[in-house]
Amino acid sequence: MREKLQKLRAELLELAESGDESAAVVELDQTKVGRLSRMDAMQAQAMAKASLERRQQMLRQIDAALLRLDNDEYGYCRECDEPINPKRLEFDPTAVLCIECASKLELAKSIQ
């Protein structure tokens, strides 16, 4: 699992390097860029920033999973301390909750 997490981390870091240019500040000089082009650029910038935030969140989750591996805490639910199903961890190696606790959390969120 460590190799899978490290590979995923490397892929995210590579994506981050290639996506940095899209998040650059949009120039507002109308003599250089038309209004619609500027709006398109601003939308692309917003999407790039959102992608960057998602990548950073995923990197934090991967780093936390690697730390749990180092501390022999990986694969146990944060809520009930029961083992997380290996199929769930295969699908999402950063999972911190078993399916039952995750379902309870989602249900509680939907009620609020």
PDB file of N, CA and C in Angstrom:
ATOM      1  N   MET A   1       0.828  -1.190   0.000  1.00  0.00           N
ATOM      2  CA  MET A   1       0.000   0.000   0.000  1.00  0.00           C
ATOM      3  C   MET A   1       0.875   1.259   0.000  1.00  0.00           C
ATOM      4  N   ARG A   2       2.030   1.167   0.674  1.00  0.00           N
ATOM      5  CA  ARG A   2       2.935   2.317   0.709  1.00  0.00           C
ATOM      6  C   ARG A   2       3.343   2.729  -0.710  1.00  0.00           C
ATOM      7  N   GLU A   3       3.651   1.744  -1.551  1.00  0.00           N
ATOM      8  CA  GLU A   3       4.057   2.048  -2.927  1.00  0.00           C
ATOM      9  C   GLU A   3       2.923   2.733  -3.690  1.00  0.00           C
ATOM     10  N   LYS A   4       1.710   2.253  -3.487  1.00  0.00           N
ATOM     11  CA  LYS A   4       0.563   2.851  -4.162  1.00  0.00           C
ATOM     12  C   LYS A   4       0.382   4.303  -3.729  1.00  0.00           C
ATOM     13  N   LEU A   5       0.493   4.562  -2.432  1.00  0.00           N
ATOM     14  CA  LEU A   5       0.361   5.926  -1.915  1.00  0.00           C
ATOM     15  C   LEU A   5       1.479   6.822  -2.445  1.00  0.00           C
ATOM     16  N   GLN A   6       2.701   6.309  -2.469  1.00  0.00           N
ATOM     17  CA  GLN A   6       3.826   7.114  -2.945  1.00  0.00           C
ATOM     18  C   GLN A   6       3.701   7.412  -4.435  1.00  0.00           C
ATOM     19  N   LYS A   7       3.209   6.443  -5.198  1.00  0.00           N
ATOM     20  CA  LYS A   7       3.005   6.657  -6.631  1.00  0.00           C
ATOM     21  C   LYS A   7       1.932   7.712  -6.862  1.00  0.00           C
ATOM     22  N   LEU A   8       0.839   7.618  -6.118  1.00  0.00           N
ATOM     23  CA  LEU A   8      -0.236   8.602  -6.228  1.00  0.00           C
ATOM     24  C   LEU A   8       0.269   9.993  -5.852  1.00  0.00           C
ATOM     25  N   ARG A   9       1.096  10.064  -4.821  1.00  0.00           N
ATOM     26  CA  ARG A   9       1.659  11.345  -4.383  1.00  0.00           C
ATOM     27  C   ARG A   9       2.538  11.953  -5.478  1.00  0.00           C
ATOM     28  N   ALA A  10       3.374  11.126  -6.091  1.00  0.00           N
ATOM     29  CA  ALA A  10       4.259  11.598  -7.160  1.00  0.00           C
ATOM     30  C   ALA A  10       3.443  12.105  -8.356  1.00  0.00           C
ATOM     31  N   GLU A  11       2.364  11.399  -8.691  1.00  0.00           N
ATOM     32  CA  GLU A  11       1.509  11.833  -9.800  1.00  0.00           C
ATOM     33  C   GLU A  11       0.863  13.186  -9.506  1.00  0.00           C
ATOM     34  N   LEU A  12       0.404  13.371  -8.277  1.00  0.00           N
ATOM     35  CA  LEU A  12      -0.218  14.651  -7.906  1.00  0.00           C
ATOM     36  C   LEU A  12       0.794  15.790  -7.940  1.00  0.00           C
ATOM     37  N   LEU A  13       2.003  15.521  -7.483  1.00  0.00           N
ATOM     38  CA  LEU A  13       3.031  16.560  -7.525  1.00  0.00           C
ATOM     39  C   LEU A  13       3.389  16.927  -8.961  1.00  0.00           C
ATOM     40  N   GLU A  14       3.413  15.932  -9.836  1.00  0.00           N
ATOM     41  CA  GLU A  14       3.687  16.195 -11.249  1.00  0.00           C
ATOM     42  C   GLU A  14       2.568  17.037 -11.867  1.00  0.00           C
ATOM     43  N   LEU A  15       1.332  16.709 -11.532  1.00  0.00           N
ATOM     44  CA  LEU A  15       0.193  17.496 -12.016  1.00  0.00           C
ATOM     45  C   LEU A  15       0.259  18.926 -11.506  1.00  0.00           C
ATOM     46  N   ALA A  16       0.668  19.084 -10.259  1.00  0.00           N
ATOM     47  CA  ALA A  16       0.754  20.418  -9.671  1.00  0.00           C
ATOM     48  C   ALA A  16       1.743  21.285 -10.432  1.00  0.00           C
ATOM     49  N   GLU A  17       2.857  20.698 -10.840  1.00  0.00           N
ATOM     50  CA  GLU A  17       3.868  21.454 -11.590  1.00  0.00           C
ATOM     51  C   GLU A  17       3.327  21.915 -12.937  1.00  0.00           C
ATOM     52  N   SER A  18       2.565  21.056 -13.599  1.00  0.00           N
ATOM     53  CA  SER A  18       2.069  21.405 -14.929  1.00  0.00           C
ATOM     54  C   SER A  18       0.882  22.353 -14.875  1.00  0.00           C
ATOM     55  N   GLY A  19       0.173  22.399 -13.743  1.00  0.00           N
ATOM     56  CA  GLY A  19      -1.030  23.226 -13.675  1.00  0.00           C
ATOM     57  C   GLY A  19      -0.828  24.597 -13.077  1.00  0.00           C
ATOM     58  N   ASP A  20       0.385  24.915 -12.645  1.00  0.00           N
ATOM     59  CA  ASP A  20       0.632  26.190 -11.978  1.00  0.00           C
ATOM     60  C   ASP A  20       0.387  27.395 -12.879  1.00  0.00           C
ATOM     61  N   GLU A  21       0.676  27.276 -14.168  1.00  0.00           N
ATOM     62  CA  GLU A  21       0.522  28.424 -15.060  1.00  0.00           C
ATOM     63  C   GLU A  21      -0.941  28.856 -15.186  1.00  0.00           C
ATOM     64  N   SER A  22      -1.881  27.916 -15.130  1.00  0.00           N
ATOM     65  CA  SER A  22      -3.292  28.241 -15.311  1.00  0.00           C
ATOM     66  C   SER A  22      -3.847  29.054 -14.157  1.00  0.00           C
ATOM     67  N   ALA A  23      -3.213  28.963 -12.996  1.00  0.00           N
ATOM     68  CA  ALA A  23      -3.713  29.669 -11.825  1.00  0.00           C
ATOM     69  C   ALA A  23      -3.127  31.075 -11.718  1.00  0.00           C
ATOM     70  N   ALA A  24      -2.347  31.475 -12.704  1.00  0.00           N
ATOM     71  CA  ALA A  24      -1.720  32.799 -12.670  1.00  0.00           C
ATOM     72  C   ALA A  24      -2.784  33.896 -12.714  1.00  0.00           C
ATOM     73  N   VAL A  25      -2.409  35.070 -12.250  1.00  0.00           N
ATOM     74  CA  VAL A  25      -3.320  36.215 -12.224  1.00  0.00           C
ATOM     75  C   VAL A  25      -3.712  36.596 -13.643  1.00  0.00           C
ATOM     76  N   VAL A  26      -5.002  36.876 -13.830  1.00  0.00           N
ATOM     77  CA  VAL A  26      -5.503  37.278 -15.142  1.00  0.00           C
ATOM     78  C   VAL A  26      -5.289  38.776 -15.306  1.00  0.00           C
ATOM     79  N   GLU A  27      -4.683  39.148 -16.415  1.00  0.00           N
ATOM     80  CA  GLU A  27      -4.417  40.556 -16.695  1.00  0.00           C
ATOM     81  C   GLU A  27      -5.702  41.254 -17.121  1.00  0.00           C
ATOM     82  N   LEU A  28      -5.963  42.431 -16.557  1.00  0.00           N
ATOM     83  CA  LEU A  28      -7.217  43.137 -16.811  1.00  0.00           C
ATOM     84  C   LEU A  28      -7.094  44.244 -17.860  1.00  0.00           C
ATOM     85  N   ASP A  29      -6.004  44.326 -18.573  1.00  0.00           N
ATOM     86  CA  ASP A  29      -5.805  45.347 -19.593  1.00  0.00           C
ATOM     87  C   ASP A  29      -6.622  45.004 -20.840  1.00  0.00           C
ATOM     88  N   GLN A  30      -7.706  45.767 -21.095  1.00  0.00           N
ATOM     89  CA  GLN A  30      -8.594  45.464 -22.216  1.00  0.00           C
ATOM     90  C   GLN A  30      -7.936  45.708 -23.567  1.00  0.00           C
ATOM     91  N   THR A  31      -6.842  46.446 -23.614  1.00  0.00           N
ATOM     92  CA  THR A  31      -6.175  46.666 -24.891  1.00  0.00           C
ATOM     93  C   THR A  31      -5.433  45.414 -25.347  1.00  0.00           C
ATOM     94  N   LYS A  32      -5.114  44.532 -24.400  1.00  0.00           N
ATOM     95  CA  LYS A  32      -4.379  43.314 -24.739  1.00  0.00           C
ATOM     96  C   LYS A  32      -5.299  42.106 -24.895  1.00  0.00           C
ATOM     97  N   VAL A  33      -6.354  42.069 -24.105  1.00  0.00           N
ATOM     98  CA  VAL A  33      -7.260  40.917 -24.112  1.00  0.00           C
ATOM     99  C   VAL A  33      -8.695  41.413 -24.138  1.00  0.00           C
ATOM    100  N   GLY A  34      -9.508  40.838 -25.007  1.00  0.00           N
ATOM    101  CA  GLY A  34     -10.909  41.209 -25.071  1.00  0.00           C
ATOM    102  C   GLY A  34     -11.664  40.767 -23.832  1.00  0.00           C
ATOM    103  N   ARG A  35     -12.859  41.343 -23.646  1.00  0.00           N
ATOM    104  CA  ARG A  35     -13.661  41.076 -22.451  1.00  0.00           C
ATOM    105  C   ARG A  35     -14.011  39.587 -22.320  1.00  0.00           C
ATOM    106  N   LEU A  36     -14.477  38.968 -23.403  1.00  0.00           N
ATOM    107  CA  LEU A  36     -14.855  37.555 -23.328  1.00  0.00           C
ATOM    108  C   LEU A  36     -13.645  36.661 -23.090  1.00  0.00           C
ATOM    109  N   SER A  37     -12.546  36.985 -23.729  1.00  0.00           N
ATOM    110  CA  SER A  37     -11.329  36.198 -23.515  1.00  0.00           C
ATOM    111  C   SER A  37     -10.867  36.315 -22.071  1.00  0.00           C
ATOM    112  N   ARG A  38     -10.994  37.512 -21.507  1.00  0.00           N
ATOM    113  CA  ARG A  38     -10.600  37.738 -20.124  1.00  0.00           C
ATOM    114  C   ARG A  38     -11.510  36.948 -19.182  1.00  0.00           C
ATOM    115  N   MET A  39     -12.822  36.933 -19.497  1.00  0.00           N
ATOM    116  CA  MET A  39     -13.765  36.169 -18.670  1.00  0.00           C
ATOM    117  C   MET A  39     -13.462  34.672 -18.752  1.00  0.00           C
ATOM    118  N   ASP A  40     -13.129  34.194 -19.942  1.00  0.00           N
ATOM    119  CA  ASP A  40     -12.738  32.792 -20.099  1.00  0.00           C
ATOM    120  C   ASP A  40     -11.485  32.499 -19.282  1.00  0.00           C
ATOM    121  N   ALA A  41     -10.534  33.423 -19.323  1.00  0.00           N
ATOM    122  CA  ALA A  41      -9.290  33.246 -18.581  1.00  0.00           C
ATOM    123  C   ALA A  41      -9.561  33.243 -17.078  1.00  0.00           C
ATOM    124  N   MET A  42     -10.482  34.093 -16.627  1.00  0.00           N
ATOM    125  CA  MET A  42     -10.817  34.147 -15.207  1.00  0.00           C
ATOM    126  C   MET A  42     -11.509  32.854 -14.765  1.00  0.00           C
ATOM    127  N   GLN A  43     -12.372  32.311 -15.627  1.00  0.00           N
ATOM    128  CA  GLN A  43     -13.029  31.048 -15.312  1.00  0.00           C
ATOM    129  C   GLN A  43     -11.998  29.923 -15.257  1.00  0.00           C
ATOM    130  N   ALA A  44     -11.095  29.904 -16.215  1.00  0.00           N
ATOM    131  CA  ALA A  44     -10.037  28.884 -16.222  1.00  0.00           C
ATOM    132  C   ALA A  44      -9.167  29.018 -14.975  1.00  0.00           C
ATOM    133  N   GLN A  45      -8.907  30.259 -14.570  1.00  0.00           N
ATOM    134  CA  GLN A  45      -8.109  30.500 -13.370  1.00  0.00           C
ATOM    135  C   GLN A  45      -8.829  29.950 -12.137  1.00  0.00           C
ATOM    136  N   ALA A  46     -10.121  30.198 -12.027  1.00  0.00           N
ATOM    137  CA  ALA A  46     -10.889  29.705 -10.882  1.00  0.00           C
ATOM    138  C   ALA A  46     -10.891  28.174 -10.844  1.00  0.00           C
ATOM    139  N   MET A  47     -11.041  27.562 -12.004  1.00  0.00           N
ATOM    140  CA  MET A  47     -11.024  26.097 -12.068  1.00  0.00           C
ATOM    141  C   MET A  47      -9.650  25.556 -11.692  1.00  0.00           C
ATOM    142  N   ALA A  48      -8.603  26.236 -12.142  1.00  0.00           N
ATOM    143  CA  ALA A  48      -7.242  25.805 -11.818  1.00  0.00           C
ATOM    144  C   ALA A  48      -6.981  25.928 -10.317  1.00  0.00           C
ATOM    145  N   LYS A  49      -7.477  26.992  -9.703  1.00  0.00           N
ATOM    146  CA  LYS A  49      -7.305  27.161  -8.255  1.00  0.00           C
ATOM    147  C   LYS A  49      -8.048  26.074  -7.489  1.00  0.00           C
ATOM    148  N   ALA A  50      -9.258  25.744  -7.937  1.00  0.00           N
ATOM    149  CA  ALA A  50     -10.024  24.680  -7.282  1.00  0.00           C
ATOM    150  C   ALA A  50      -9.309  23.343  -7.413  1.00  0.00           C
ATOM    151  N   SER A  51      -8.755  23.080  -8.587  1.00  0.00           N
ATOM    152  CA  SER A  51      -7.998  21.833  -8.794  1.00  0.00           C
ATOM    153  C   SER A  51      -6.773  21.801  -7.889  1.00  0.00           C
ATOM    154  N   LEU A  52      -6.103  22.925  -7.766  1.00  0.00           N
ATOM    155  CA  LEU A  52      -4.930  23.019  -6.903  1.00  0.00           C
ATOM    156  C   LEU A  52      -5.310  22.713  -5.455  1.00  0.00           C
ATOM    157  N   GLU A  53      -6.422  23.277  -4.994  1.00  0.00           N
ATOM    158  CA  GLU A  53      -6.873  23.026  -3.629  1.00  0.00           C
ATOM    159  C   GLU A  53      -7.202  21.550  -3.412  1.00  0.00           C
ATOM    160  N   ARG A  54      -7.844  20.919  -4.410  1.00  0.00           N
ATOM    161  CA  ARG A  54      -8.161  19.488  -4.300  1.00  0.00           C
ATOM    162  C   ARG A  54      -6.883  18.652  -4.254  1.00  0.00           C
ATOM    163  N   ARG A  55      -5.897  19.006  -5.094  1.00  0.00           N
ATOM    164  CA  ARG A  55      -4.623  18.281  -5.084  1.00  0.00           C
ATOM    165  C   ARG A  55      -3.921  18.430  -3.744  1.00  0.00           C
ATOM    166  N   GLN A  56      -3.931  19.651  -3.197  1.00  0.00           N
ATOM    167  CA  GLN A  56      -3.279  19.877  -1.907  1.00  0.00           C
ATOM    168  C   GLN A  56      -3.967  19.083  -0.797  1.00  0.00           C
ATOM    169  N   GLN A  57      -5.297  19.027  -0.837  1.00  0.00           N
ATOM    170  CA  GLN A  57      -6.040  18.240   0.150  1.00  0.00           C
ATOM    171  C   GLN A  57      -5.689  16.756   0.020  1.00  0.00           C
ATOM    172  N   MET A  58      -5.627  16.276  -1.207  1.00  0.00           N
ATOM    173  CA  MET A  58      -5.295  14.866  -1.435  1.00  0.00           C
ATOM    174  C   MET A  58      -3.872  14.567  -0.982  1.00  0.00           C
ATOM    175  N   LEU A  59      -2.946  15.478  -1.214  1.00  0.00           N
ATOM    176  CA  LEU A  59      -1.566  15.289  -0.749  1.00  0.00           C
ATOM    177  C   LEU A  59      -1.517  15.208   0.774  1.00  0.00           C
ATOM    178  N   ARG A  60      -2.306  16.043   1.454  1.00  0.00           N
ATOM    179  CA  ARG A  60      -2.357  15.980   2.920  1.00  0.00           C
ATOM    180  C   ARG A  60      -2.910  14.622   3.377  1.00  0.00           C
ATOM    181  N   GLN A  61      -3.929  14.126   2.674  1.00  0.00           N
ATOM    182  CA  GLN A  61      -4.507  12.827   3.028  1.00  0.00           C
ATOM    183  C   GLN A  61      -3.500  11.699   2.797  1.00  0.00           C
ATOM    184  N   ILE A  62      -2.756  11.783   1.712  1.00  0.00           N
ATOM    185  CA  ILE A  62      -1.741  10.764   1.418  1.00  0.00           C
ATOM    186  C   ILE A  62      -0.640  10.795   2.479  1.00  0.00           C
ATOM    187  N   ASP A  63      -0.177  11.995   2.821  1.00  0.00           N
ATOM    188  CA  ASP A  63       0.861  12.120   3.840  1.00  0.00           C
ATOM    189  C   ASP A  63       0.376  11.567   5.182  1.00  0.00           C
ATOM    190  N   ALA A  64      -0.895  11.817   5.509  1.00  0.00           N
ATOM    191  CA  ALA A  64      -1.456  11.290   6.755  1.00  0.00           C
ATOM    192  C   ALA A  64      -1.525   9.762   6.706  1.00  0.00           C
ATOM    193  N   ALA A  65      -1.894   9.208   5.548  1.00  0.00           N
ATOM    194  CA  ALA A  65      -1.951   7.745   5.405  1.00  0.00           C
ATOM    195  C   ALA A  65      -0.559   7.145   5.540  1.00  0.00           C
ATOM    196  N   LEU A  66       0.438   7.777   4.956  1.00  0.00           N
ATOM    197  CA  LEU A  66       1.819   7.286   5.079  1.00  0.00           C
ATOM    198  C   LEU A  66       2.284   7.338   6.538  1.00  0.00           C
ATOM    199  N   LEU A  67       1.884   8.378   7.238  1.00  0.00           N
ATOM    200  CA  LEU A  67       2.222   8.495   8.659  1.00  0.00           C
ATOM    201  C   LEU A  67       1.540   7.386   9.470  1.00  0.00           C
ATOM    202  N   ARG A  68       0.274   7.094   9.137  1.00  0.00           N
ATOM    203  CA  ARG A  68      -0.427   5.993   9.815  1.00  0.00           C
ATOM    204  C   ARG A  68       0.274   4.663   9.539  1.00  0.00           C
ATOM    205  N   LEU A  69       0.776   4.484   8.319  1.00  0.00           N
ATOM    206  CA  LEU A  69       1.539   3.266   8.000  1.00  0.00           C
ATOM    207  C   LEU A  69       2.787   3.173   8.876  1.00  0.00           C
ATOM    208  N   ASP A  70       3.490   4.294   9.004  1.00  0.00           N
ATOM    209  CA  ASP A  70       4.714   4.318   9.820  1.00  0.00           C
ATOM    210  C   ASP A  70       4.418   3.996  11.284  1.00  0.00           C
ATOM    211  N   ASN A  71       3.241   4.416  11.756  1.00  0.00           N
ATOM    212  CA  ASN A  71       2.875   4.229  13.165  1.00  0.00           C
ATOM    213  C   ASN A  71       2.055   2.969  13.404  1.00  0.00           C
ATOM    214  N   ASP A  72       1.957   2.106  12.403  1.00  0.00           N
ATOM    215  CA  ASP A  72       1.162   0.870  12.493  1.00  0.00           C
ATOM    216  C   ASP A  72      -0.291   1.133  12.864  1.00  0.00           C
ATOM    217  N   GLU A  73      -0.836   2.246  12.381  1.00  0.00           N
ATOM    218  CA  GLU A  73      -2.238   2.592  12.633  1.00  0.00           C
ATOM    219  C   GLU A  73      -3.058   2.545  11.348  1.00  0.00           C
ATOM    220  N   TYR A  74      -2.426   2.186  10.259  1.00  0.00           N
ATOM    221  CA  TYR A  74      -3.090   2.183   8.961  1.00  0.00           C
ATOM    222  C   TYR A  74      -4.104   1.048   8.870  1.00  0.00           C
ATOM    223  N   GLY A  75      -5.251   1.354   8.277  1.00  0.00           N
ATOM    224  CA  GLY A  75      -6.248   0.321   8.031  1.00  0.00           C
ATOM    225  C   GLY A  75      -7.262   0.144   9.143  1.00  0.00           C
ATOM    226  N   TYR A  76      -7.217   1.013  10.150  1.00  0.00           N
ATOM    227  CA  TYR A  76      -8.186   0.951  11.239  1.00  0.00           C
ATOM    228  C   TYR A  76      -9.049   2.207  11.229  1.00  0.00           C
ATOM    229  N   CYS A  77     -10.328   2.009  11.465  1.00  0.00           N
ATOM    230  CA  CYS A  77     -11.290   3.110  11.457  1.00  0.00           C
ATOM    231  C   CYS A  77     -10.993   4.091  12.588  1.00  0.00           C
ATOM    232  N   ARG A  78     -11.027   5.356  12.257  1.00  0.00           N
ATOM    233  CA  ARG A  78     -10.765   6.412  13.228  1.00  0.00           C
ATOM    234  C   ARG A  78     -11.882   6.492  14.279  1.00  0.00           C
ATOM    235  N   GLU A  79     -13.086   6.088  13.927  1.00  0.00           N
ATOM    236  CA  GLU A  79     -14.229   6.179  14.837  1.00  0.00           C
ATOM    237  C   GLU A  79     -14.376   4.951  15.730  1.00  0.00           C
ATOM    238  N   CYS A  80     -14.391   3.768  15.134  1.00  0.00           N
ATOM    239  CA  CYS A  80     -14.714   2.551  15.895  1.00  0.00           C
ATOM    240  C   CYS A  80     -13.510   1.637  16.131  1.00  0.00           C
ATOM    241  N   ASP A  81     -12.363   1.976  15.578  1.00  0.00           N
ATOM    242  CA  ASP A  81     -11.124   1.195  15.719  1.00  0.00           C
ATOM    243  C   ASP A  81     -11.199  -0.209  15.122  1.00  0.00           C
ATOM    244  N   GLU A  82     -12.218  -0.488  14.344  1.00  0.00           N
ATOM    245  CA  GLU A  82     -12.318  -1.769  13.650  1.00  0.00           C
ATOM    246  C   GLU A  82     -11.508  -1.693  12.357  1.00  0.00           C
ATOM    247  N   PRO A  83     -11.039  -2.833  11.845  1.00  0.00           N
ATOM    248  CA  PRO A  83     -10.298  -2.822  10.571  1.00  0.00           C
ATOM    249  C   PRO A  83     -11.181  -2.331   9.414  1.00  0.00           C
ATOM    250  N   ILE A  84     -10.591  -1.543   8.548  1.00  0.00           N
ATOM    251  CA  ILE A  84     -11.284  -1.072   7.336  1.00  0.00           C
ATOM    252  C   ILE A  84     -11.145  -2.174   6.290  1.00  0.00           C
ATOM    253  N   ASN A  85     -12.225  -2.455   5.602  1.00  0.00           N
ATOM    254  CA  ASN A  85     -12.235  -3.503   4.576  1.00  0.00           C
ATOM    255  C   ASN A  85     -11.104  -3.252   3.571  1.00  0.00           C
ATOM    256  N   PRO A  86     -10.284  -4.267   3.295  1.00  0.00           N
ATOM    257  CA  PRO A  86      -9.181  -4.100   2.337  1.00  0.00           C
ATOM    258  C   PRO A  86      -9.640  -3.633   0.953  1.00  0.00           C
ATOM    259  N   LYS A  87     -10.848  -4.037   0.541  1.00  0.00           N
ATOM    260  CA  LYS A  87     -11.358  -3.576  -0.755  1.00  0.00           C
ATOM    261  C   LYS A  87     -11.595  -2.069  -0.727  1.00  0.00           C
ATOM    262  N   ARG A  88     -12.047  -1.549   0.406  1.00  0.00           N
ATOM    263  CA  ARG A  88     -12.238  -0.095   0.547  1.00  0.00           C
ATOM    264  C   ARG A  88     -10.889   0.620   0.472  1.00  0.00           C
ATOM    265  N   LEU A  89      -9.890   0.051   1.134  1.00  0.00           N
ATOM    266  CA  LEU A  89      -8.555   0.663   1.105  1.00  0.00           C
ATOM    267  C   LEU A  89      -7.926   0.558  -0.282  1.00  0.00           C
ATOM    268  N   GLU A  90      -8.239  -0.495  -0.995  1.00  0.00           N
ATOM    269  CA  GLU A  90      -7.729  -0.625  -2.365  1.00  0.00           C
ATOM    270  C   GLU A  90      -8.327   0.472  -3.242  1.00  0.00           C
ATOM    271  N   PHE A  91      -9.621   0.731  -3.042  1.00  0.00           N
ATOM    272  CA  PHE A  91     -10.304   1.776  -3.809  1.00  0.00           C
ATOM    273  C   PHE A  91      -9.819   3.164  -3.395  1.00  0.00           C
ATOM    274  N   ASP A  92      -9.709   3.391  -2.074  1.00  0.00           N
ATOM    275  CA  ASP A  92      -9.249   4.676  -1.543  1.00  0.00           C
ATOM    276  C   ASP A  92      -8.229   4.416  -0.442  1.00  0.00           C
ATOM    277  N   PRO A  93      -6.943   4.409  -0.791  1.00  0.00           N
ATOM    278  CA  PRO A  93      -5.916   4.098   0.205  1.00  0.00           C
ATOM    279  C   PRO A  93      -5.786   5.139   1.314  1.00  0.00           C
ATOM    280  N   THR A  94      -6.478   6.273   1.182  1.00  0.00           N
ATOM    281  CA  THR A  94      -6.418   7.300   2.223  1.00  0.00           C
ATOM    282  C   THR A  94      -7.604   7.229   3.178  1.00  0.00           C
ATOM    283  N   ALA A  95      -8.485   6.246   3.008  1.00  0.00           N
ATOM    284  CA  ALA A  95      -9.692   6.144   3.840  1.00  0.00           C
ATOM    285  C   ALA A  95      -9.331   6.038   5.316  1.00  0.00           C
ATOM    286  N   VAL A  96     -10.064   6.772   6.143  1.00  0.00           N
ATOM    287  CA  VAL A  96      -9.830   6.747   7.590  1.00  0.00           C
ATOM    288  C   VAL A  96     -11.033   6.175   8.334  1.00  0.00           C
ATOM    289  N   LEU A  97     -12.133   5.942   7.622  1.00  0.00           N
ATOM    290  CA  LEU A  97     -13.337   5.405   8.239  1.00  0.00           C
ATOM    291  C   LEU A  97     -13.763   4.125   7.544  1.00  0.00           C
ATOM    292  N   CYS A  98     -14.298   3.190   8.328  1.00  0.00           N
ATOM    293  CA  CYS A  98     -14.897   2.005   7.727  1.00  0.00           C
ATOM    294  C   CYS A  98     -16.182   2.445   7.026  1.00  0.00           C
ATOM    295  N   ILE A  99     -16.738   1.581   6.218  1.00  0.00           N
ATOM    296  CA  ILE A  99     -17.912   1.954   5.426  1.00  0.00           C
ATOM    297  C   ILE A  99     -19.097   2.300   6.323  1.00  0.00           C
ATOM    298  N   GLU A 100     -19.254   1.590   7.437  1.00  0.00           N
ATOM    299  CA  GLU A 100     -20.370   1.870   8.341  1.00  0.00           C
ATOM    300  C   GLU A 100     -20.250   3.253   8.968  1.00  0.00           C
ATOM    301  N   CYS A 101     -19.081   3.593   9.472  1.00  0.00           N
ATOM    302  CA  CYS A 101     -18.884   4.908  10.094  1.00  0.00           C
ATOM    303  C   CYS A 101     -18.970   6.024   9.050  1.00  0.00           C
ATOM    304  N   ALA A 102     -18.455   5.766   7.860  1.00  0.00           N
ATOM    305  CA  ALA A 102     -18.540   6.759   6.788  1.00  0.00           C
ATOM    306  C   ALA A 102     -19.999   6.989   6.402  1.00  0.00           C
ATOM    307  N   SER A 103     -20.786   5.932   6.353  1.00  0.00           N
ATOM    308  CA  SER A 103     -22.209   6.055   6.020  1.00  0.00           C
ATOM    309  C   SER A 103     -22.946   6.846   7.090  1.00  0.00           C
ATOM    310  N   LYS A 104     -22.637   6.579   8.349  1.00  0.00           N
ATOM    311  CA  LYS A 104     -23.263   7.321   9.456  1.00  0.00           C
ATOM    312  C   LYS A 104     -22.926   8.808   9.366  1.00  0.00           C
ATOM    313  N   LEU A 105     -21.677   9.109   9.047  1.00  0.00           N
ATOM    314  CA  LEU A 105     -21.242  10.500   8.928  1.00  0.00           C
ATOM    315  C   LEU A 105     -21.970  11.203   7.788  1.00  0.00           C
ATOM    316  N   GLU A 106     -22.083  10.533   6.647  1.00  0.00           N
ATOM    317  CA  GLU A 106     -22.792  11.115   5.499  1.00  0.00           C
ATOM    318  C   GLU A 106     -24.259  11.336   5.812  1.00  0.00           C
ATOM    319  N   LEU A 107     -24.867  10.403   6.515  1.00  0.00           N
ATOM    320  CA  LEU A 107     -26.276  10.537   6.892  1.00  0.00           C
ATOM    321  C   LEU A 107     -26.458  11.725   7.822  1.00  0.00           C
ATOM    322  N   ALA A 108     -25.558  11.865   8.793  1.00  0.00           N
ATOM    323  CA  ALA A 108     -25.628  12.992   9.718  1.00  0.00           C
ATOM    324  C   ALA A 108     -25.466  14.321   8.990  1.00  0.00           C
ATOM    325  N   LYS A 109     -24.583  14.374   8.006  1.00  0.00           N
ATOM    326  CA  LYS A 109     -24.381  15.595   7.216  1.00  0.00           C
ATOM    327  C   LYS A 109     -25.612  15.939   6.397  1.00  0.00           C
ATOM    328  N   SER A 110     -26.270  14.913   5.857  1.00  0.00           N
ATOM    329  CA  SER A 110     -27.439  15.162   4.999  1.00  0.00           C
ATOM    330  C   SER A 110     -28.641  15.649   5.812  1.00  0.00           C
ATOM    331  N   ILE A 111     -28.683  15.288   7.080  1.00  0.00           N
ATOM    332  CA  ILE A 111     -29.797  15.711   7.943  1.00  0.00           C
ATOM    333  C   ILE A 111     -29.642  17.172   8.332  1.00  0.00           C
ATOM    334  N   GLN A 112     -28.415  17.640   8.480  1.00  0.00           N
ATOM    335  CA  GLN A 112     -28.168  19.022   8.930  1.00  0.00           C
ATOM    336  C   GLN A 112     -28.539  20.021   7.916  1.00  0.00           C
TER     337      GLN A 112
END
